[in-house]
C-alpha cells in the first residue's frame, strides 16, 4: 500500500470539500426562485455538509496541523489568523443554521432569503480563500516534518467527507 504525502492527501481532501463549496452559489441562487420547495434540497444538503464534514475538518486541522505549524514556526500565535477564520466560519455556519431552522416547505420570506444568500456567499468566499491558505501551510508542514510525522498528521486529519 502506497501512502500519500501530506500535501497530496490534503489536496485530494480539499478537492472533495471544494465540490460542496463550489455548489454554494447555485444553492444561493435557488433562493431567488419563487417556487415552493425550490431551495429546500440544496439547503438540506449544504447543512449536512457544513455540520457533518466541514466543521470536523476544521476541528482536525486545529487539533493536528496547526500545533505542528506553530511548533515549526516557533510561534504559538502564528496560526491565529487561520483560527480566527475558523471562528468566522463557525459563526456563519451558526447563522446559516438559524436562518434555515424552519425551512420545511422551502418557503422563506424575502428578507430571510436575502439574509441567507448573504451568509452563503460570505461562507463561499471565505472557504475558497481559507482552503487555499491551508494547502499552502500544509506544504510547509510537509517540508519541515519527517515522513513519520507527515503520515501521522495525514492519518489524524482523515475523516469522512460527504461525496
Protein backbone atom coordinates (compact mmCIF):
# COMPACT_ATOMS: atom_id res chain seq x y z
CA UNK A 1 0.00 0.00 0.00
CA UNK A 2 1.44 3.34 -1.06
CA UNK A 3 0.99 6.18 1.36
CA UNK A 4 0.37 9.66 0.03
CA UNK A 5 2.36 12.66 1.02
CA UNK A 6 0.60 15.08 3.34
CA UNK A 7 0.15 17.68 0.54
CA UNK A 8 -1.31 15.03 -1.80
CA UNK A 9 -3.74 13.77 0.83
CA UNK A 10 -4.72 17.32 1.76
CA UNK A 11 -5.19 18.33 -1.87
CA UNK A 12 -7.47 15.35 -2.54
CA UNK A 13 -9.42 16.02 0.65
CA UNK A 14 -9.78 19.71 -0.20
CA UNK A 15 -10.92 18.80 -3.73
CA UNK A 16 -13.79 16.84 -2.16
CA UNK A 17 -14.59 19.75 0.16
CA UNK A 18 -14.49 22.17 -2.77
CA UNK A 19 -17.06 20.09 -4.68
CA UNK A 20 -19.52 21.13 -1.97
CA UNK A 21 -18.19 24.66 -1.52
CA UNK A 22 -18.47 25.29 -5.27
CA UNK A 23 -22.19 24.38 -5.15
CA UNK A 24 -22.97 27.14 -2.63
CA UNK A 25 -23.60 29.90 -5.23
CA UNK A 26 -26.07 27.67 -7.15
CA UNK A 27 -27.96 26.86 -3.96
CA UNK A 28 -27.97 30.54 -3.04
CA UNK A 29 -29.38 31.39 -6.49
CA UNK A 30 -32.24 28.94 -5.89
CA UNK A 31 -33.34 31.27 -3.11
CA UNK A 32 -34.33 33.75 -5.82
CA UNK A 33 -36.69 31.22 -7.41
CA UNK A 34 -40.19 31.85 -6.13
CA UNK A 35 -41.41 28.26 -6.28
CA UNK A 36 -42.49 26.13 -3.32
CA UNK A 37 -39.67 23.89 -2.15
CA UNK A 38 -37.14 25.18 -4.72
CA UNK A 39 -34.18 25.67 -2.37
CA UNK A 40 -35.05 23.01 0.25
CA UNK A 41 -32.97 20.13 -1.15
CA UNK A 42 -29.88 22.25 -1.63
CA UNK A 43 -30.20 23.77 1.82
CA UNK A 44 -30.56 20.36 3.48
CA UNK A 45 -27.53 19.04 1.59
CA UNK A 46 -25.46 22.14 2.38
CA UNK A 47 -26.42 21.95 6.04
CA UNK A 48 -25.33 18.30 6.21
CA UNK A 49 -22.00 19.19 4.58
CA UNK A 50 -21.32 22.15 6.85
CA UNK A 51 -22.06 20.33 10.09
CA UNK A 52 -21.04 16.80 9.13
CA UNK A 53 -17.90 17.40 7.08
CA UNK A 54 -16.63 20.97 7.20
CA UNK A 55 -16.74 21.51 10.97
CA UNK A 56 -14.98 18.16 11.69
CA UNK A 57 -12.32 19.11 9.11
CA UNK A 58 -11.69 22.39 10.92
CA UNK A 59 -11.52 20.67 14.29
CA UNK A 60 -8.98 18.17 12.96
CA UNK A 61 -6.83 20.94 11.48
CA UNK A 62 -6.87 22.84 14.78
CA UNK A 63 -6.04 19.72 16.75
CA UNK A 64 -3.31 18.29 14.49
CA UNK A 65 -1.93 20.59 11.81
CA UNK A 66 -1.99 23.99 13.50
CA UNK A 67 0.01 22.91 16.58
CA UNK A 68 2.65 21.35 14.32
CA UNK A 69 2.87 24.55 12.28
CA UNK A 70 3.17 26.65 15.42
CA UNK A 71 5.96 24.36 16.64
CA UNK A 72 7.76 24.58 13.30
CA UNK A 73 7.33 28.35 13.07
CA UNK A 74 8.39 28.69 16.73
CA UNK A 75 5.44 30.91 17.49
CA UNK A 76 2.37 29.65 19.27
CA UNK A 77 0.32 32.51 17.81
CA UNK A 78 1.37 32.08 14.17
CA UNK A 79 -1.87 30.30 13.33
CA UNK A 80 -4.07 32.95 14.95
CA UNK A 81 -5.33 34.32 11.60
CA UNK A 82 -6.37 30.83 10.48
CA UNK A 83 -8.06 30.15 13.83
CA UNK A 84 -9.92 33.47 13.52
CA UNK A 85 -11.12 32.41 10.08
CA UNK A 86 -12.35 29.16 11.64
CA UNK A 87 -14.22 31.19 14.25
CA UNK A 88 -15.84 33.27 11.49
CA UNK A 89 -16.75 30.13 9.54
CA UNK A 90 -18.34 28.68 12.70
CA UNK A 91 -20.27 31.92 13.22
CA UNK A 92 -21.53 31.86 9.64
CA UNK A 93 -22.50 28.18 9.91
CA UNK A 94 -24.41 29.08 13.07
CA UNK A 95 -26.18 31.92 11.29
CA UNK A 96 -26.95 29.62 8.35
CA UNK A 97 -28.38 27.05 10.78
CA UNK A 98 -30.54 29.68 12.49
CA UNK A 99 -31.85 31.06 9.18
CA UNK A 100 -32.70 27.59 7.86
CA UNK A 101 -34.04 26.07 11.07
CA UNK A 102 -37.65 26.14 9.96
CA UNK A 103 -37.28 25.58 6.22
CA UNK A 104 -39.63 22.69 5.69
CA UNK A 105 -41.57 23.52 2.55
CA UNK A 106 -38.91 25.83 1.09
CA UNK A 107 -40.93 28.97 1.75
CA UNK A 108 -38.95 31.82 3.21
CA UNK A 109 -39.72 35.50 3.44
CA UNK A 110 -37.84 37.75 1.05
CA UNK A 111 -35.86 39.16 3.99
CA UNK A 112 -34.83 35.70 5.16
CA UNK A 113 -33.89 34.63 1.62
CA UNK A 114 -31.68 37.69 1.20
CA UNK A 115 -30.06 37.20 4.62
CA UNK A 116 -29.44 33.55 3.82
CA UNK A 117 -27.89 34.41 0.44
CA UNK A 118 -25.59 36.92 2.15
CA UNK A 119 -24.43 34.27 4.63
CA UNK A 120 -23.97 31.66 1.91
CA UNK A 121 -21.87 33.94 -0.28
CA UNK A 122 -19.77 35.01 2.72
CA UNK A 123 -19.16 31.33 3.53
CA UNK A 124 -18.32 30.60 -0.09
CA UNK A 125 -15.75 33.41 -0.37
CA UNK A 126 -14.14 32.69 2.99
CA UNK A 127 -13.93 28.94 2.36
CA UNK A 128 -12.36 29.35 -1.09
CA UNK A 129 -9.58 31.54 0.35
CA UNK A 130 -9.19 29.55 3.57
CA UNK A 131 -8.80 26.16 1.88
CA UNK A 132 -6.16 27.58 -0.46
CA UNK A 133 -4.28 29.03 2.53
CA UNK A 134 -4.49 25.69 4.33
CA UNK A 135 -2.91 23.91 1.38
CA UNK A 136 0.00 26.35 1.43
CA UNK A 137 0.51 25.78 5.15
CA UNK A 138 0.35 22.01 4.72
CA UNK A 139 3.21 22.20 2.21
CA UNK A 140 5.24 23.93 4.96
CA UNK A 141 4.44 21.13 7.41
CA UNK A 142 5.40 18.54 4.82
CA UNK A 143 8.77 20.20 4.23
CA UNK A 144 9.53 20.51 7.93
CA UNK A 145 8.12 17.26 9.22
CA UNK A 146 9.73 13.88 8.76
CA UNK A 147 7.94 11.12 6.84
CA UNK A 148 6.57 9.58 10.03
CA UNK A 149 5.25 12.91 11.28
CA UNK A 150 3.69 13.69 7.89
CA UNK A 151 1.97 10.29 7.82
CA UNK A 152 0.77 10.75 11.40
CA UNK A 153 -0.68 14.16 10.57
CA UNK A 154 -2.35 12.83 7.41
CA UNK A 155 -3.87 9.95 9.40
CA UNK A 156 -5.09 12.28 12.13
CA UNK A 157 -6.72 14.53 9.54
CA UNK A 158 -8.58 11.60 7.95
CA UNK A 159 -12.28 11.92 8.50
CA UNK A 160 -15.28 11.17 6.31
CA UNK A 161 -16.08 13.58 3.53
CA UNK A 162 -19.57 13.56 2.10
CA UNK A 163 -19.27 12.65 -1.58
